[in-house]
Amino acid sequence: MKQSRIMSLVEAATNVVVGYVLAIATQIVVFPWFGIETGLAEHLTIGLAFVGVSLVRGYLLRRLFEAIRMRSAE
């Protein structure tokens, strides 16, 4: 069964929100281990950068695997 467009949107949005929260939490824990001291604003900004990279990566991988799937179906 094919996933509806609405559910694809819900999945993508959930993935972004969860990824952002995890990125911030990871930075807050890991940065001090390396002597990196930043405030919450910096953590939020860095998290946004990681989310942006993750979105691009996820999109490109989905398109790659869709192209592979289409070629194998021919």
PDB file of N, CA and C in Angstrom:
ATOM      1  N   MET A   1       0.839  -1.179   0.000  1.00  0.00           N
ATOM      2  CA  MET A   1       0.000   0.000   0.000  1.00  0.00           C
ATOM      3  C   MET A   1       0.887   1.247   0.000  1.00  0.00           C
ATOM      4  N   LYS A   2       0.513   2.219  -0.792  1.00  0.00           N
ATOM      5  CA  LYS A   2       1.277   3.451  -0.939  1.00  0.00           C
ATOM      6  C   LYS A   2       0.930   4.430   0.180  1.00  0.00           C
ATOM      7  N   GLN A   3       1.940   5.144   0.680  1.00  0.00           N
ATOM      8  CA  GLN A   3       1.726   6.132   1.733  1.00  0.00           C
ATOM      9  C   GLN A   3       1.093   7.381   1.127  1.00  0.00           C
ATOM     10  N   SER A   4       0.090   7.942   1.819  1.00  0.00           N
ATOM     11  CA  SER A   4      -0.559   9.157   1.327  1.00  0.00           C
ATOM     12  C   SER A   4       0.394  10.345   1.437  1.00  0.00           C
ATOM     13  N   ARG A   5       0.114  11.390   0.680  1.00  0.00           N
ATOM     14  CA  ARG A   5       0.959  12.584   0.716  1.00  0.00           C
ATOM     15  C   ARG A   5       0.903  13.244   2.092  1.00  0.00           C
ATOM     16  N   ILE A   6      -0.263  13.236   2.708  1.00  0.00           N
ATOM     17  CA  ILE A   6      -0.400  13.829   4.047  1.00  0.00           C
ATOM     18  C   ILE A   6       0.468  13.072   5.047  1.00  0.00           C
ATOM     19  N   MET A   7       0.425  11.751   4.997  1.00  0.00           N
ATOM     20  CA  MET A   7       1.226  10.963   5.932  1.00  0.00           C
ATOM     21  C   MET A   7       2.720  11.114   5.635  1.00  0.00           C
ATOM     22  N   SER A   8       3.084  11.279   4.371  1.00  0.00           N
ATOM     23  CA  SER A   8       4.490  11.547   4.035  1.00  0.00           C
ATOM     24  C   SER A   8       4.935  12.869   4.649  1.00  0.00           C
ATOM     25  N   LEU A   9       4.066  13.876   4.587  1.00  0.00           N
ATOM     26  CA  LEU A   9       4.366  15.174   5.178  1.00  0.00           C
ATOM     27  C   LEU A   9       4.489  15.066   6.697  1.00  0.00           C
ATOM     28  N   VAL A  10       3.567  14.334   7.323  1.00  0.00           N
ATOM     29  CA  VAL A  10       3.611  14.131   8.773  1.00  0.00           C
ATOM     30  C   VAL A  10       4.901  13.410   9.158  1.00  0.00           C
ATOM     31  N   GLU A  11       5.278  12.388   8.406  1.00  0.00           N
ATOM     32  CA  GLU A  11       6.506  11.644   8.683  1.00  0.00           C
ATOM     33  C   GLU A  11       7.728  12.551   8.560  1.00  0.00           C
ATOM     34  N   ALA A  12       7.784  13.327   7.482  1.00  0.00           N
ATOM     35  CA  ALA A  12       8.933  14.209   7.261  1.00  0.00           C
ATOM     36  C   ALA A  12       9.034  15.270   8.354  1.00  0.00           C
ATOM     37  N   ALA A  13       7.908  15.865   8.723  1.00  0.00           N
ATOM     38  CA  ALA A  13       7.909  16.889   9.767  1.00  0.00           C
ATOM     39  C   ALA A  13       8.321  16.296  11.110  1.00  0.00           C
ATOM     40  N   THR A  14       7.821  15.121  11.426  1.00  0.00           N
ATOM     41  CA  THR A  14       8.189  14.449  12.678  1.00  0.00           C
ATOM     42  C   THR A  14       9.683  14.149  12.690  1.00  0.00           C
ATOM     43  N   ASN A  15      10.201  13.681  11.576  1.00  0.00           N
ATOM     44  CA  ASN A  15      11.625  13.382  11.467  1.00  0.00           C
ATOM     45  C   ASN A  15      12.467  14.632  11.720  1.00  0.00           C
ATOM     46  N   VAL A  16      12.056  15.758  11.166  1.00  0.00           N
ATOM     47  CA  VAL A  16      12.793  17.011  11.337  1.00  0.00           C
ATOM     48  C   VAL A  16      12.757  17.461  12.799  1.00  0.00           C
ATOM     49  N   VAL A  17      11.587  17.434  13.404  1.00  0.00           N
ATOM     50  CA  VAL A  17      11.455  17.882  14.799  1.00  0.00           C
ATOM     51  C   VAL A  17      12.267  16.990  15.736  1.00  0.00           C
ATOM     52  N   VAL A  18      12.139  15.675  15.571  1.00  0.00           N
ATOM     53  CA  VAL A  18      12.888  14.743  16.423  1.00  0.00           C
ATOM     54  C   VAL A  18      14.391  14.923  16.194  1.00  0.00           C
ATOM     55  N   GLY A  19      14.810  15.070  14.950  1.00  0.00           N
ATOM     56  CA  GLY A  19      16.227  15.275  14.646  1.00  0.00           C
ATOM     57  C   GLY A  19      16.755  16.554  15.269  1.00  0.00           C
ATOM     58  N   TYR A  20      15.972  17.618  15.239  1.00  0.00           N
ATOM     59  CA  TYR A  20      16.391  18.895  15.816  1.00  0.00           C
ATOM     60  C   TYR A  20      16.553  18.782  17.331  1.00  0.00           C
ATOM     61  N   VAL A  21      15.573  18.187  17.993  1.00  0.00           N
ATOM     62  CA  VAL A  21      15.639  18.014  19.445  1.00  0.00           C
ATOM     63  C   VAL A  21      16.836  17.139  19.824  1.00  0.00           C
ATOM     64  N   LEU A  22      17.052  16.062  19.079  1.00  0.00           N
ATOM     65  CA  LEU A  22      18.201  15.200  19.365  1.00  0.00           C
ATOM     66  C   LEU A  22      19.526  15.915  19.131  1.00  0.00           C
ATOM     67  N   ALA A  23      19.605  16.726  18.092  1.00  0.00           N
ATOM     68  CA  ALA A  23      20.835  17.469  17.814  1.00  0.00           C
ATOM     69  C   ALA A  23      21.151  18.420  18.960  1.00  0.00           C
ATOM     70  N   ILE A  24      20.141  19.146  19.432  1.00  0.00           N
ATOM     71  CA  ILE A  24      20.357  20.089  20.527  1.00  0.00           C
ATOM     72  C   ILE A  24      20.782  19.349  21.792  1.00  0.00           C
ATOM     73  N   ALA A  25      20.064  18.281  22.127  1.00  0.00           N
ATOM     74  CA  ALA A  25      20.390  17.513  23.333  1.00  0.00           C
ATOM     75  C   ALA A  25      21.800  16.931  23.244  1.00  0.00           C
ATOM     76  N   THR A  26      22.167  16.421  22.081  1.00  0.00           N
ATOM     77  CA  THR A  26      23.501  15.844  21.899  1.00  0.00           C
ATOM     78  C   THR A  26      24.575  16.911  22.060  1.00  0.00           C
ATOM     79  N   GLN A  27      24.364  18.073  21.468  1.00  0.00           N
ATOM     80  CA  GLN A  27      25.332  19.161  21.598  1.00  0.00           C
ATOM     81  C   GLN A  27      25.506  19.585  23.047  1.00  0.00           C
ATOM     82  N   ILE A  28      24.415  19.705  23.776  1.00  0.00           N
ATOM     83  CA  ILE A  28      24.480  20.139  25.175  1.00  0.00           C
ATOM     84  C   ILE A  28      25.293  19.148  26.001  1.00  0.00           C
ATOM     85  N   VAL A  29      25.193  17.871  25.669  1.00  0.00           N
ATOM     86  CA  VAL A  29      25.927  16.846  26.407  1.00  0.00           C
ATOM     87  C   VAL A  29      27.374  16.734  25.921  1.00  0.00           C
ATOM     88  N   VAL A  30      27.575  16.716  24.610  1.00  0.00           N
ATOM     89  CA  VAL A  30      28.888  16.392  24.046  1.00  0.00           C
ATOM     90  C   VAL A  30      29.844  17.585  24.008  1.00  0.00           C
ATOM     91  N   PHE A  31      29.352  18.769  23.699  1.00  0.00           N
ATOM     92  CA  PHE A  31      30.249  19.917  23.568  1.00  0.00           C
ATOM     93  C   PHE A  31      31.136  20.119  24.794  1.00  0.00           C
ATOM     94  N   PRO A  32      30.603  20.078  26.002  1.00  0.00           N
ATOM     95  CA  PRO A  32      31.482  20.269  27.174  1.00  0.00           C
ATOM     96  C   PRO A  32      32.601  19.234  27.284  1.00  0.00           C
ATOM     97  N   TRP A  33      32.405  18.036  26.782  1.00  0.00           N
ATOM     98  CA  TRP A  33      33.451  17.014  26.795  1.00  0.00           C
ATOM     99  C   TRP A  33      34.676  17.480  26.028  1.00  0.00           C
ATOM    100  N   PHE A  34      34.456  18.349  25.038  1.00  0.00           N
ATOM    101  CA  PHE A  34      35.544  18.843  24.203  1.00  0.00           C
ATOM    102  C   PHE A  34      35.932  20.271  24.541  1.00  0.00           C
ATOM    103  N   GLY A  35      35.431  20.757  25.671  1.00  0.00           N
ATOM    104  CA  GLY A  35      35.764  22.106  26.107  1.00  0.00           C
ATOM    105  C   GLY A  35      35.082  23.197  25.312  1.00  0.00           C
ATOM    106  N   ILE A  36      34.003  22.867  24.626  1.00  0.00           N
ATOM    107  CA  ILE A  36      33.268  23.854  23.831  1.00  0.00           C
ATOM    108  C   ILE A  36      32.113  24.372  24.683  1.00  0.00           C
ATOM    109  N   GLU A  37      32.176  25.649  24.992  1.00  0.00           N
ATOM    110  CA  GLU A  37      31.126  26.263  25.800  1.00  0.00           C
ATOM    111  C   GLU A  37      30.293  27.176  24.911  1.00  0.00           C
ATOM    112  N   THR A  38      29.007  26.893  24.802  1.00  0.00           N
ATOM    113  CA  THR A  38      28.105  27.728  24.015  1.00  0.00           C
ATOM    114  C   THR A  38      26.807  27.922  24.788  1.00  0.00           C
ATOM    115  N   GLY A  39      26.120  28.977  24.454  1.00  0.00           N
ATOM    116  CA  GLY A  39      24.820  29.251  25.063  1.00  0.00           C
ATOM    117  C   GLY A  39      23.713  28.572  24.278  1.00  0.00           C
ATOM    118  N   LEU A  40      22.510  28.681  24.802  1.00  0.00           N
ATOM    119  CA  LEU A  40      21.364  28.039  24.165  1.00  0.00           C
ATOM    120  C   LEU A  40      21.136  28.567  22.742  1.00  0.00           C
ATOM    121  N   ALA A  41      21.310  29.862  22.545  1.00  0.00           N
ATOM    122  CA  ALA A  41      21.107  30.438  21.202  1.00  0.00           C
ATOM    123  C   ALA A  41      22.052  29.802  20.183  1.00  0.00           C
ATOM    124  N   GLU A  42      23.303  29.599  20.583  1.00  0.00           N
ATOM    125  CA  GLU A  42      24.260  28.968  19.679  1.00  0.00           C
ATOM    126  C   GLU A  42      23.888  27.513  19.418  1.00  0.00           C
ATOM    127  N   HIS A  43      23.454  26.813  20.467  1.00  0.00           N
ATOM    128  CA  HIS A  43      23.018  25.429  20.280  1.00  0.00           C
ATOM    129  C   HIS A  43      21.858  25.360  19.285  1.00  0.00           C
ATOM    130  N   LEU A  44      20.906  26.261  19.419  1.00  0.00           N
ATOM    131  CA  LEU A  44      19.746  26.258  18.515  1.00  0.00           C
ATOM    132  C   LEU A  44      20.162  26.554  17.083  1.00  0.00           C
ATOM    133  N   THR A  45      21.092  27.485  16.905  1.00  0.00           N
ATOM    134  CA  THR A  45      21.560  27.830  15.557  1.00  0.00           C
ATOM    135  C   THR A  45      22.350  26.683  14.928  1.00  0.00           C
ATOM    136  N   ILE A  46      23.243  26.102  15.694  1.00  0.00           N
ATOM    137  CA  ILE A  46      24.009  24.958  15.191  1.00  0.00           C
ATOM    138  C   ILE A  46      23.066  23.811  14.850  1.00  0.00           C
ATOM    139  N   GLY A  47      22.066  23.584  15.693  1.00  0.00           N
ATOM    140  CA  GLY A  47      21.075  22.538  15.434  1.00  0.00           C
ATOM    141  C   GLY A  47      20.345  22.762  14.126  1.00  0.00           C
ATOM    142  N   LEU A  48      20.017  24.018  13.826  1.00  0.00           N
ATOM    143  CA  LEU A  48      19.348  24.326  12.556  1.00  0.00           C
ATOM    144  C   LEU A  48      20.241  23.995  11.366  1.00  0.00           C
ATOM    145  N   ALA A  49      21.531  24.270  11.504  1.00  0.00           N
ATOM    146  CA  ALA A  49      22.462  23.934  10.422  1.00  0.00           C
ATOM    147  C   ALA A  49      22.477  22.426  10.188  1.00  0.00           C
ATOM    148  N   PHE A  50      22.541  21.651  11.276  1.00  0.00           N
ATOM    149  CA  PHE A  50      22.528  20.193  11.140  1.00  0.00           C
ATOM    150  C   PHE A  50      21.214  19.696  10.531  1.00  0.00           C
ATOM    151  N   VAL A  51      20.111  20.304  10.923  1.00  0.00           N
ATOM    152  CA  VAL A  51      18.809  19.910  10.367  1.00  0.00           C
ATOM    153  C   VAL A  51      18.774  20.190   8.867  1.00  0.00           C
ATOM    154  N   GLY A  52      19.302  21.349   8.459  1.00  0.00           N
ATOM    155  CA  GLY A  52      19.337  21.675   7.033  1.00  0.00           C
ATOM    156  C   GLY A  52      20.135  20.661   6.238  1.00  0.00           C
ATOM    157  N   VAL A  53      21.311  20.314   6.736  1.00  0.00           N
ATOM    158  CA  VAL A  53      22.141  19.311   6.067  1.00  0.00           C
ATOM    159  C   VAL A  53      21.417  17.962   6.032  1.00  0.00           C
ATOM    160  N   SER A  54      20.773  17.614   7.120  1.00  0.00           N
ATOM    161  CA  SER A  54      20.047  16.341   7.191  1.00  0.00           C
ATOM    162  C   SER A  54      18.894  16.293   6.197  1.00  0.00           C
ATOM    163  N   LEU A  55      18.174  17.398   6.054  1.00  0.00           N
ATOM    164  CA  LEU A  55      17.068  17.444   5.092  1.00  0.00           C
ATOM    165  C   LEU A  55      17.571  17.234   3.668  1.00  0.00           C
ATOM    166  N   VAL A  56      18.648  17.921   3.320  1.00  0.00           N
ATOM    167  CA  VAL A  56      19.214  17.780   1.973  1.00  0.00           C
ATOM    168  C   VAL A  56      19.683  16.349   1.758  1.00  0.00           C
ATOM    169  N   ARG A  57      20.397  15.791   2.744  1.00  0.00           N
ATOM    170  CA  ARG A  57      20.877  14.412   2.642  1.00  0.00           C
ATOM    171  C   ARG A  57      19.718  13.445   2.465  1.00  0.00           C
ATOM    172  N   GLY A  58      18.687  13.583   3.288  1.00  0.00           N
ATOM    173  CA  GLY A  58      17.541  12.686   3.205  1.00  0.00           C
ATOM    174  C   GLY A  58      16.831  12.774   1.861  1.00  0.00           C
ATOM    175  N   TYR A  59      16.669  14.004   1.363  1.00  0.00           N
ATOM    176  CA  TYR A  59      16.011  14.191   0.076  1.00  0.00           C
ATOM    177  C   TYR A  59      16.816  13.536  -1.046  1.00  0.00           C
ATOM    178  N   LEU A  60      18.118  13.799  -1.069  1.00  0.00           N
ATOM    179  CA  LEU A  60      18.957  13.242  -2.133  1.00  0.00           C
ATOM    180  C   LEU A  60      18.998  11.718  -2.085  1.00  0.00           C
ATOM    181  N   LEU A  61      19.062  11.149  -0.886  1.00  0.00           N
ATOM    182  CA  LEU A  61      19.054   9.689  -0.786  1.00  0.00           C
ATOM    183  C   LEU A  61      17.724   9.097  -1.225  1.00  0.00           C
ATOM    184  N   ARG A  62      16.616   9.752  -0.868  1.00  0.00           N
ATOM    185  CA  ARG A  62      15.304   9.266  -1.329  1.00  0.00           C
ATOM    186  C   ARG A  62      15.231   9.283  -2.843  1.00  0.00           C
ATOM    187  N   ARG A  63      15.715  10.373  -3.456  1.00  0.00           N
ATOM    188  CA  ARG A  63      15.669  10.475  -4.916  1.00  0.00           C
ATOM    189  C   ARG A  63      16.571   9.426  -5.556  1.00  0.00           C
ATOM    190  N   LEU A  64      17.744   9.183  -4.966  1.00  0.00           N
ATOM    191  CA  LEU A  64      18.659   8.166  -5.482  1.00  0.00           C
ATOM    192  C   LEU A  64      18.008   6.791  -5.439  1.00  0.00           C
ATOM    193  N   PHE A  65      17.438   6.436  -4.301  1.00  0.00           N
ATOM    194  CA  PHE A  65      16.828   5.120  -4.185  1.00  0.00           C
ATOM    195  C   PHE A  65      15.570   4.992  -5.048  1.00  0.00           C
ATOM    196  N   GLU A  66      14.856   6.084  -5.253  1.00  0.00           N
ATOM    197  CA  GLU A  66      13.711   6.042  -6.153  1.00  0.00           C
ATOM    198  C   GLU A  66      14.185   5.806  -7.586  1.00  0.00           C
ATOM    199  N   ALA A  67      15.286   6.452  -7.973  1.00  0.00           N
ATOM    200  CA  ALA A  67      15.837   6.244  -9.320  1.00  0.00           C
ATOM    201  C   ALA A  67      16.293   4.790  -9.484  1.00  0.00           C
ATOM    202  N   ILE A  68      16.918   4.237  -8.456  1.00  0.00           N
ATOM    203  CA  ILE A  68      17.343   2.831  -8.504  1.00  0.00           C
ATOM    204  C   ILE A  68      16.126   1.922  -8.639  1.00  0.00           C
ATOM    205  N   ARG A  69      15.085   2.232  -7.860  1.00  0.00           N
ATOM    206  CA  ARG A  69      13.855   1.416  -7.908  1.00  0.00           C
ATOM    207  C   ARG A  69      13.226   1.471  -9.299  1.00  0.00           C
ATOM    208  N   MET A  70      13.193   2.654  -9.895  1.00  0.00           N
ATOM    209  CA  MET A  70      12.580   2.808 -11.222  1.00  0.00           C
ATOM    210  C   MET A  70      13.387   2.076 -12.286  1.00  0.00           C
ATOM    211  N   ARG A  71      14.721   2.097 -12.185  1.00  0.00           N
ATOM    212  CA  ARG A  71      15.549   1.390 -13.153  1.00  0.00           C
ATOM    213  C   ARG A  71      15.373  -0.119 -13.038  1.00  0.00           C
ATOM    214  N   SER A  72      15.262  -0.598 -11.816  1.00  0.00           N
ATOM    215  CA  SER A  72      15.107  -2.040 -11.627  1.00  0.00           C
ATOM    216  C   SER A  72      13.715  -2.517 -12.043  1.00  0.00           C
ATOM    217  N   ALA A  73      12.746  -1.601 -12.099  1.00  0.00           N
ATOM    218  CA  ALA A  73      11.393  -1.976 -12.504  1.00  0.00           C
ATOM    219  C   ALA A  73      11.251  -2.042 -14.017  1.00  0.00           C
ATOM    220  N   GLU A  74      12.212  -1.475 -14.747  1.00  0.00           N
ATOM    221  CA  GLU A  74      12.119  -1.451 -16.224  1.00  0.00           C
ATOM    222  C   GLU A  74      12.411  -2.795 -16.835  1.00  0.00           C
TER     223      GLU A  74
END
